[in-house]
Amino acid sequence: MDKQRILIVDDDENIAELISLYLIKECFATEIAYSGRQALELTKSFNPNLILLDIMLPDIDGYEVCQEIRKTRNTPIIMLSAKGEVFDKVLGLKLGADDYIIKPFDSNELVARVKAVLRRAPAAPDMTAIAHETERTGEYVEYDHLLINMTNYQVHLDNQIIEMPPKELELLYFLASHPNQVFTREHLLDRLWGYDYVGDTRTVDVHIKRVREKLGDAATWSISTVWGKGYKFEVK
């Protein structure tokens, strides 16, 4: 069985090599990038299953690297940073990160986070590779001008493919599969991120916001906030 590949992006050579040793010990294959540009190049050539991405890089910062990767790939990203403010965490999640770890971190926690994110990550092809697949195959739900396909991980709005990272798509699909049913943030975290997820309920809010920005509201459906409760996919 092929080893899962982890790309480590950090300009601190000692930290990067130490992380690599931790992961190799856990039977992962690793590559190290010491700059943002090198990270983008290795993302294409190494094709990692997961990226550990430091925010503070010498050329292109981690936020911009994350944005560039998200234009074409669903690869899970865990951001690494010495910054612990809520703003930095939320910004990372808004840009498409799947998790956020604050330095200094415990090696056991790092490995646990990597394994948890990989467990949640679907074995889905890149968005660029699925553009011409048949829309209505496998497991999907459909509403007026909206098609959400979980088999090929596509979202179509007005016959246009909407680029959406896996967790956003899974959240949208789950809500749309249960029209007019209200789900609390805690329920959505447990259902989609897993019981071992160590983040907080703001993660759900951030993902809902991103999905809304991409889809907007239609005349016959919308993602609605039920104040004091949670969210629902409202069919009118």
Protein backbone atom coordinates (compact mmCIF):
# COMPACT_ATOMS: atom_id res chain seq x y z
CA MET A 1 0.00 0.00 0.00
CA ASP A 2 1.37 3.42 -0.98
CA LYS A 3 2.25 5.77 1.84
CA GLN A 4 0.22 8.93 2.25
CA ARG A 5 2.21 12.00 1.25
CA ILE A 6 2.57 15.06 3.47
CA LEU A 7 3.99 18.35 2.20
CA ILE A 8 5.58 20.40 5.00
CA VAL A 9 5.85 24.13 4.28
CA ASP A 10 7.99 26.05 6.78
CA ASP A 11 10.97 28.36 6.33
CA ASP A 12 12.47 27.20 9.63
CA GLU A 13 14.64 24.29 8.55
CA ASN A 14 14.90 22.79 12.05
CA ILE A 15 11.14 22.80 12.62
CA ALA A 16 10.42 21.43 9.15
CA GLU A 17 12.88 18.56 9.53
CA LEU A 18 11.60 17.77 13.02
CA ILE A 19 8.01 17.58 11.74
CA SER A 20 9.23 15.38 8.89
CA LEU A 21 10.84 12.97 11.36
CA TYR A 22 7.63 12.75 13.40
CA LEU A 23 5.61 11.91 10.28
CA ILE A 24 8.10 9.49 8.77
CA LYS A 25 8.02 7.60 12.08
CA GLU A 26 4.25 7.29 11.56
CA CYS A 27 4.85 5.83 8.07
CA PHE A 28 4.06 8.93 6.02
CA ALA A 29 6.11 10.08 3.04
CA THR A 30 7.19 13.72 3.30
CA GLU A 31 8.61 16.56 1.26
CA ILE A 32 9.66 19.98 2.60
CA ALA A 33 9.16 23.40 1.01
CA TYR A 34 10.93 26.38 2.54
CA SER A 35 9.01 29.09 0.66
CA GLY A 36 5.56 29.76 -0.71
CA ARG A 37 6.63 29.46 -4.34
CA GLN A 38 8.39 26.17 -3.67
CA ALA A 39 5.22 24.95 -1.92
CA LEU A 40 3.13 25.66 -5.01
CA GLU A 41 5.62 23.83 -7.24
CA LEU A 42 5.79 20.78 -4.94
CA THR A 43 2.01 20.69 -4.64
CA LYS A 44 1.93 19.94 -8.37
CA SER A 45 4.88 17.55 -8.56
CA PHE A 46 4.58 15.75 -5.20
CA ASN A 47 0.75 15.69 -5.24
CA PRO A 48 0.42 15.49 -1.43
CA ASN A 49 -2.51 13.98 0.45
CA LEU A 50 -2.19 16.77 3.03
CA ILE A 51 -0.27 20.04 3.40
CA LEU A 52 1.11 21.44 6.66
CA LEU A 53 1.37 25.14 5.84
CA ASP A 54 3.16 27.76 7.92
CA ILE A 55 1.68 31.27 7.64
CA MET A 56 4.89 33.30 7.91
CA LEU A 57 6.94 32.52 4.78
CA PRO A 58 9.72 34.60 3.17
CA ASP A 59 8.08 35.26 -0.20
CA ILE A 60 4.38 34.39 -0.45
CA ASP A 61 2.63 34.04 2.91
CA GLY A 62 0.64 30.96 3.86
CA TYR A 63 -2.70 32.69 3.36
CA GLU A 64 -1.90 33.42 -0.29
CA VAL A 65 -0.48 29.93 -0.83
CA CYS A 66 -3.71 28.48 0.57
CA GLN A 67 -5.80 30.63 -1.78
CA GLU A 68 -3.75 29.58 -4.81
CA ILE A 69 -4.01 25.88 -3.96
CA ARG A 70 -7.76 26.15 -3.42
CA LYS A 71 -8.27 27.44 -6.95
CA THR A 72 -7.52 23.99 -8.36
CA ARG A 73 -7.21 21.46 -5.54
CA ASN A 74 -9.16 20.06 -2.61
CA THR A 75 -6.02 18.86 -0.81
CA PRO A 76 -6.53 19.13 2.99
CA ILE A 77 -4.51 21.97 4.54
CA ILE A 78 -3.52 22.40 8.18
CA MET A 79 -2.13 25.85 8.91
CA LEU A 80 0.76 26.28 11.35
CA SER A 81 1.29 29.60 13.09
CA ALA A 82 2.63 31.27 16.21
CA LYS A 83 -0.35 33.60 15.95
CA GLY A 84 -3.16 32.51 18.23
CA GLU A 85 -5.70 35.28 17.78
CA VAL A 86 -9.23 34.34 16.74
CA PHE A 87 -8.92 36.60 13.67
CA ASP A 88 -5.97 34.62 12.32
CA LYS A 89 -7.72 31.30 12.83
CA VAL A 90 -10.94 32.48 11.19
CA LEU A 91 -9.05 34.00 8.25
CA GLY A 92 -7.24 30.72 7.67
CA LEU A 93 -10.53 28.81 7.68
CA LYS A 94 -12.17 31.35 5.39
CA LEU A 95 -9.41 30.89 2.84
CA GLY A 96 -9.93 27.12 2.79
CA ALA A 97 -7.81 25.61 5.56
CA ASP A 98 -9.17 22.46 7.20
CA ASP A 99 -7.51 22.93 10.59
CA TYR A 100 -5.18 25.32 12.45
CA ILE A 101 -2.37 24.48 14.88
CA ILE A 102 -0.63 27.06 17.07
CA LYS A 103 3.13 26.86 17.62
CA PRO A 104 4.72 25.54 19.72
CA PHE A 105 2.78 22.29 19.44
CA ASP A 106 3.15 18.83 20.92
CA SER A 107 4.34 16.20 18.43
CA ASN A 108 1.57 13.80 19.45
CA GLU A 109 -1.05 16.50 18.88
CA LEU A 110 0.38 17.29 15.44
CA VAL A 111 0.30 13.65 14.35
CA ALA A 112 -3.22 13.21 15.77
CA ARG A 113 -4.46 16.28 13.88
CA VAL A 114 -2.91 15.06 10.64
CA LYS A 115 -4.51 11.62 10.98
CA ALA A 116 -7.88 13.12 11.93
CA VAL A 117 -7.95 15.44 8.90
CA LEU A 118 -6.88 12.61 6.58
CA ARG A 119 -9.66 10.39 7.97
CA ARG A 120 -12.20 13.09 7.15
CA ALA A 121 -10.78 13.86 3.72
CA PRO A 122 -12.60 12.22 0.80
CA ALA A 123 -10.73 10.38 -1.91
CA ALA A 124 -11.88 12.92 -4.48
CA PRO A 125 -10.12 14.03 -7.66
CA ASP A 126 -9.00 17.62 -8.20
CA MET A 127 -11.68 20.00 -9.41
CA THR A 128 -9.85 20.55 -12.68
CA ALA A 129 -9.98 16.83 -13.45
CA ILE A 130 -13.74 16.44 -12.97
CA ALA A 131 -15.04 19.33 -15.03
CA HIS A 132 -16.36 17.14 -17.84
CA GLU A 133 -17.79 14.22 -15.86
CA THR A 134 -21.45 13.40 -16.16
CA GLU A 135 -23.47 15.61 -13.85
CA ARG A 136 -26.22 13.23 -12.79
CA THR A 137 -24.50 10.02 -11.75
CA GLY A 138 -24.22 8.33 -8.39
CA GLU A 139 -25.27 10.09 -5.21
CA TYR A 140 -26.71 13.56 -5.71
CA VAL A 141 -29.50 15.95 -4.73
CA GLU A 142 -31.07 18.48 -7.07
CA TYR A 143 -33.09 21.65 -6.64
CA ASP A 144 -34.05 24.52 -8.90
CA HIS A 145 -30.82 25.49 -10.78
CA LEU A 146 -28.72 23.61 -8.19
CA LEU A 147 -27.15 20.15 -8.43
CA ILE A 148 -24.92 18.73 -5.66
CA ASN A 149 -23.14 15.50 -6.57
CA MET A 150 -21.31 13.61 -3.83
CA THR A 151 -20.00 10.91 -6.16
CA ASN A 152 -17.83 13.16 -8.30
CA TYR A 153 -17.72 16.08 -5.81
CA GLN A 154 -19.29 18.65 -8.09
CA VAL A 155 -21.67 21.50 -7.42
CA HIS A 156 -23.51 22.97 -10.41
CA LEU A 157 -25.33 26.28 -10.17
CA ASP A 158 -27.13 27.48 -13.32
CA ASN A 159 -25.15 24.83 -15.27
CA GLN A 160 -21.83 26.25 -14.07
CA ILE A 161 -19.42 24.28 -11.86
CA ILE A 162 -18.88 26.03 -8.53
CA GLU A 163 -15.46 25.40 -7.04
CA MET A 164 -15.95 24.18 -3.49
CA PRO A 165 -13.53 22.44 -1.07
CA PRO A 166 -14.69 19.03 0.20
CA LYS A 167 -15.88 20.17 3.62
CA GLU A 168 -18.02 22.95 2.17
CA LEU A 169 -19.52 20.53 -0.34
CA GLU A 170 -20.20 17.91 2.33
CA LEU A 171 -21.89 20.51 4.54
CA LEU A 172 -24.06 21.73 1.67
CA TYR A 173 -24.95 18.19 0.61
CA PHE A 174 -25.86 17.15 4.14
CA LEU A 175 -28.16 20.13 4.66
CA ALA A 176 -29.71 19.83 1.20
CA SER A 177 -30.35 16.11 1.79
CA HIS A 178 -32.51 17.04 4.79
CA PRO A 179 -34.60 19.96 3.52
CA ASN A 180 -36.23 22.20 6.14
CA GLN A 181 -34.62 20.26 9.00
CA VAL A 182 -32.72 22.34 11.56
CA PHE A 183 -29.27 21.18 12.67
CA THR A 184 -27.29 22.66 15.54
CA ARG A 185 -23.68 23.65 15.06
CA GLU A 186 -22.65 20.87 17.46
CA HIS A 187 -24.55 18.27 15.44
CA LEU A 188 -22.94 19.44 12.21
CA LEU A 189 -19.48 19.34 13.80
CA ASP A 190 -20.02 15.79 15.03
CA ARG A 191 -21.55 14.62 11.75
CA LEU A 192 -19.10 16.22 9.31
CA TRP A 193 -15.89 16.90 11.22
CA GLY A 194 -16.03 13.93 13.57
CA TYR A 195 -16.24 13.56 17.32
CA ASP A 196 -12.47 13.95 17.66
CA TYR A 197 -12.41 17.38 16.03
CA VAL A 198 -10.73 19.84 18.39
CA GLY A 199 -12.01 23.09 16.87
CA ASP A 200 -15.06 25.07 17.95
CA THR A 201 -18.50 25.78 16.50
CA ARG A 202 -17.26 28.89 14.68
CA THR A 203 -15.84 26.49 12.12
CA VAL A 204 -19.39 25.71 11.02
CA ASP A 205 -20.25 29.42 10.80
CA VAL A 206 -17.23 30.10 8.60
CA HIS A 207 -18.07 27.25 6.21
CA ILE A 208 -21.74 28.28 6.01
CA LYS A 209 -20.66 31.84 5.16
CA ARG A 210 -18.37 30.63 2.37
CA VAL A 211 -21.09 28.40 0.87
CA ARG A 212 -23.61 31.26 0.96
CA GLU A 213 -21.16 33.60 -0.76
CA LYS A 214 -20.70 31.10 -3.58
CA LEU A 215 -24.35 30.15 -4.06
CA GLY A 216 -26.41 33.11 -2.92
CA ASP A 217 -30.15 32.49 -2.45
CA ALA A 218 -32.59 31.18 -5.02
CA ALA A 219 -36.29 31.89 -5.26
CA THR A 220 -37.12 28.37 -4.11
CA TRP A 221 -34.29 27.51 -1.70
CA SER A 222 -31.72 29.04 0.65
CA ILE A 223 -29.43 28.17 3.56
CA SER A 224 -31.19 29.77 6.51
CA THR A 225 -30.04 30.62 10.00
CA VAL A 226 -32.43 29.58 12.76
CA TRP A 227 -31.41 31.95 15.53
CA GLY A 228 -30.48 30.23 18.77
CA LYS A 229 -30.63 26.82 17.05
CA GLY A 230 -28.47 26.38 13.96
CA TYR A 231 -28.94 26.09 10.20
CA LYS A 232 -31.25 24.50 7.68
CA PHE A 233 -31.56 24.16 3.92
CA GLU A 234 -34.92 25.88 3.45
CA VAL A 235 -37.06 24.84 0.52
CA LYS A 236 -39.79 27.38 -0.14
